[in-house]
Protein backbone atom coordinates (compact mmCIF):
# COMPACT_ATOMS: atom_id res chain seq x y z
CA UNK A 1 -24.43 -145.37 14.57
CA UNK A 2 -25.68 -141.87 14.83
CA UNK A 3 -29.09 -141.46 16.53
CA UNK A 4 -29.44 -137.73 15.52
CA UNK A 5 -28.64 -137.29 11.98
CA UNK A 6 -28.47 -133.33 12.57
CA UNK A 7 -25.83 -133.80 15.00
CA UNK A 8 -23.73 -136.17 12.75
CA UNK A 9 -24.14 -133.69 9.89
CA UNK A 10 -22.93 -130.80 12.27
CA UNK A 11 -19.97 -132.63 13.24
CA UNK A 12 -18.95 -133.93 9.61
CA UNK A 13 -19.62 -130.26 8.37
CA UNK A 14 -17.06 -128.90 11.08
CA UNK A 15 -14.64 -131.54 9.89
CA UNK A 16 -14.87 -130.79 6.34
CA UNK A 17 -14.48 -126.97 7.05
CA UNK A 18 -11.55 -127.77 9.31
CA UNK A 19 -9.96 -129.70 6.37
CA UNK A 20 -10.60 -126.89 4.17
CA UNK A 21 -8.81 -124.59 6.29
CA UNK A 22 -5.75 -126.63 6.79
CA UNK A 23 -5.14 -128.35 3.40
CA UNK A 24 -4.58 -125.10 1.64
CA UNK A 25 -1.94 -124.23 4.20
CA UNK A 26 -0.28 -127.43 3.70
CA UNK A 27 -0.12 -126.84 -0.18
CA UNK A 28 1.23 -123.21 0.42
CA UNK A 29 3.84 -124.57 2.71
CA UNK A 30 5.20 -126.68 -0.04
CA UNK A 31 4.77 -123.83 -2.41
CA UNK A 32 1.97 -125.60 -4.46
CA UNK A 33 -0.13 -122.57 -4.46
CA UNK A 34 -3.82 -122.10 -5.35
CA UNK A 35 -3.63 -123.63 -8.87
CA UNK A 36 -4.06 -127.06 -7.04
CA UNK A 37 -7.35 -125.81 -5.65
CA UNK A 38 -6.84 -127.59 -2.38
CA UNK A 39 -9.92 -125.78 -0.64
CA UNK A 40 -12.29 -127.11 -3.32
CA UNK A 41 -11.47 -130.90 -2.60
CA UNK A 42 -13.10 -131.03 1.03
CA UNK A 43 -16.07 -128.82 -0.13
CA UNK A 44 -16.70 -131.14 -3.19
CA UNK A 45 -16.63 -133.97 -1.05
CA UNK A 46 -19.07 -132.68 1.52
CA UNK A 47 -21.64 -132.44 -1.21
CA UNK A 48 -21.41 -136.30 -1.43
CA UNK A 49 -21.69 -136.68 2.28
CA UNK A 50 -23.88 -134.06 3.73
CA UNK A 51 -27.42 -132.99 2.89
CA UNK A 52 -27.59 -129.99 0.65
CA UNK A 53 -28.17 -127.10 3.23
CA UNK A 54 -25.01 -128.52 5.39
CA UNK A 55 -23.03 -128.98 2.17
CA UNK A 56 -23.78 -125.29 1.35
CA UNK A 57 -22.58 -124.29 4.78
CA UNK A 58 -19.28 -125.95 4.23
CA UNK A 59 -18.99 -124.31 0.78
CA UNK A 60 -19.61 -120.81 2.00
CA UNK A 61 -18.01 -120.84 5.36
CA UNK A 62 -14.76 -122.56 4.47
CA UNK A 63 -13.67 -119.54 2.21
CA UNK A 64 -14.97 -117.18 4.75
CA UNK A 65 -13.22 -118.59 7.70
CA UNK A 66 -9.91 -119.13 5.95
CA UNK A 67 -9.92 -115.71 4.81
CA UNK A 68 -10.34 -114.34 8.31
CA UNK A 69 -8.10 -116.81 10.05
CA UNK A 70 -5.31 -117.19 7.47
CA UNK A 71 -5.57 -114.36 5.06
CA UNK A 72 -6.11 -116.69 2.13
CA UNK A 73 -8.11 -116.11 0.12
CA UNK A 74 -7.62 -112.25 0.50
CA UNK A 75 -10.85 -110.89 2.01
CA UNK A 76 -11.33 -108.75 -1.04
CA UNK A 77 -11.80 -109.23 -3.93
CA UNK A 78 -11.33 -112.97 -4.05
CA UNK A 79 -13.28 -114.23 -1.08
CA UNK A 80 -16.76 -112.82 -2.12
CA UNK A 81 -16.69 -114.95 -5.32
CA UNK A 82 -15.02 -117.88 -3.69
CA UNK A 83 -17.76 -117.63 -1.01
CA UNK A 84 -20.57 -118.12 -3.72
CA UNK A 85 -18.32 -120.48 -6.08
CA UNK A 86 -17.70 -123.20 -3.18
CA UNK A 87 -21.22 -122.94 -1.95
CA UNK A 88 -22.54 -123.76 -5.42
CA UNK A 89 -19.98 -126.38 -5.83
CA UNK A 90 -21.25 -128.13 -2.56
CA UNK A 91 -24.90 -127.63 -3.42
CA UNK A 92 -24.66 -128.79 -7.04
CA UNK A 93 -22.62 -132.17 -5.88
CA UNK A 94 -25.36 -132.65 -3.18
CA UNK A 95 -28.17 -132.36 -5.41
CA UNK A 96 -26.76 -134.31 -8.20
CA UNK A 97 -25.35 -137.07 -6.31
CA UNK A 98 -27.93 -137.55 -3.56
CA UNK A 99 -31.27 -136.57 -5.12
CA UNK A 100 -30.82 -137.32 -8.60
CA UNK A 101 -28.07 -139.99 -7.95
CA UNK A 102 -25.92 -139.01 -11.15
CA UNK A 103 -22.56 -140.48 -11.91
CA UNK A 104 -19.84 -139.15 -9.57
CA UNK A 105 -17.64 -138.00 -12.75
CA UNK A 106 -20.60 -136.20 -14.27
CA UNK A 107 -21.52 -134.64 -10.94
CA UNK A 108 -18.12 -133.28 -10.29
CA UNK A 109 -17.76 -131.90 -13.84
CA UNK A 110 -21.18 -130.13 -13.97
CA UNK A 111 -20.76 -128.92 -10.24
CA UNK A 112 -17.46 -127.35 -11.13
CA UNK A 113 -18.86 -125.60 -14.25
CA UNK A 114 -21.83 -124.17 -12.22
CA UNK A 115 -19.45 -122.97 -9.64
CA UNK A 116 -17.26 -121.21 -12.29
CA UNK A 117 -20.20 -119.63 -13.86
CA UNK A 118 -21.72 -118.20 -10.29
CA UNK A 119 -18.05 -117.07 -9.76
CA UNK A 120 -18.08 -115.39 -13.08
CA UNK A 121 -21.53 -113.77 -12.36
CA UNK A 122 -20.24 -112.44 -8.77
CA UNK A 123 -17.01 -111.05 -10.58
CA UNK A 124 -19.39 -109.22 -13.05
CA UNK A 125 -21.59 -107.78 -10.25
CA UNK A 126 -18.42 -106.79 -8.31
CA UNK A 127 -17.04 -104.99 -11.31
CA UNK A 128 -20.39 -103.26 -12.17
CA UNK A 129 -21.89 -102.55 -8.98
CA UNK A 130 -18.89 -102.02 -6.76
CA UNK A 131 -16.29 -101.06 -9.30
CA UNK A 132 -14.00 -103.75 -8.36
CA UNK A 133 -10.65 -103.95 -10.44
CA UNK A 134 -11.31 -107.44 -11.83
CA UNK A 135 -11.13 -108.81 -15.22
CA UNK A 136 -13.92 -109.07 -17.63
CA UNK A 137 -16.15 -112.25 -16.22
CA UNK A 138 -15.45 -114.27 -19.48
CA UNK A 139 -11.74 -113.72 -19.17
CA UNK A 140 -11.90 -114.46 -15.40
CA UNK A 141 -13.55 -117.72 -15.83
CA UNK A 142 -11.45 -118.61 -18.48
CA UNK A 143 -8.30 -117.88 -16.78
CA UNK A 144 -9.70 -119.63 -13.67
CA UNK A 145 -10.20 -122.82 -15.51
CA UNK A 146 -6.69 -122.69 -17.38
CA UNK A 147 -4.88 -121.74 -13.88
CA UNK A 148 -7.03 -124.45 -12.17
CA UNK A 149 -6.19 -127.51 -14.50
CA UNK A 150 -3.89 -129.09 -11.98
CA UNK A 151 -6.50 -129.06 -9.29
CA UNK A 152 -9.30 -130.04 -11.54
CA UNK A 153 -7.21 -133.16 -12.50
CA UNK A 154 -6.47 -133.93 -8.99
CA UNK A 155 -10.22 -133.52 -8.13
CA UNK A 156 -11.30 -135.87 -10.93
CA UNK A 157 -8.56 -138.37 -10.05
CA UNK A 158 -8.82 -138.13 -6.06
CA UNK A 159 -12.32 -137.66 -5.30
CA UNK A 160 -14.17 -140.65 -6.85
CA UNK A 161 -11.84 -143.24 -5.05
CA UNK A 162 -12.59 -141.22 -1.91
CA UNK A 163 -16.32 -141.39 -2.52
CA UNK A 164 -16.12 -145.10 -3.11
CA UNK A 165 -14.07 -145.30 0.21
CA UNK A 166 -16.63 -143.42 1.99
CA UNK A 167 -19.48 -145.77 0.73
CA UNK A 168 -17.47 -148.85 1.73
CA UNK A 169 -17.18 -147.50 5.25
CA UNK A 170 -20.54 -146.54 5.31
CA UNK A 171 -20.12 -142.60 5.75
CA UNK A 172 -21.96 -142.19 2.38
CA UNK A 173 -25.12 -144.41 1.93
CA UNK A 174 -25.15 -146.62 -1.04
CA UNK A 175 -27.99 -144.89 -2.84
CA UNK A 176 -26.25 -141.71 -3.13
CA UNK A 177 -24.47 -142.00 -6.57
CA UNK A 178 -23.28 -144.16 -9.16
CA UNK A 179 -19.52 -144.48 -9.44
CA UNK A 180 -18.99 -145.54 -13.04
């Protein structure tokens, strides 16, 4: 179908970024807020679909562009740690699912954990180096997990069937990851 895979990846990456910009606006329109983590969904799925470099671009650019265009997340202090957190999500999913071919559920859980750890490390740097008024990184990560439980549940319920669907319609190659 696609003769040039890099053109395909650019187009698909742009689509995931666009979804990552629109989905949070839809959630906020219905007062569902950030606890549902709507920006995370297209970023995580991009890791299953795109090569690692393109997935990282989606993960990094989505919160940055959203912050600039919509003001969500706030440019400071939230966007810097989301920039790294979502880039790590996408990279981890891409590596675990496409290179190591791990189970989709294990891939999601480990990717979410890696992203949260990196977000905590960035928060620590922002506090120590830049004097940001943010909570202790351990408190921050714990609070992010607890407040994000609805979004984490949505991701674990919605993303695996989407990955199956994308495999069936040949958007994701069958050798990418195991479903069960």
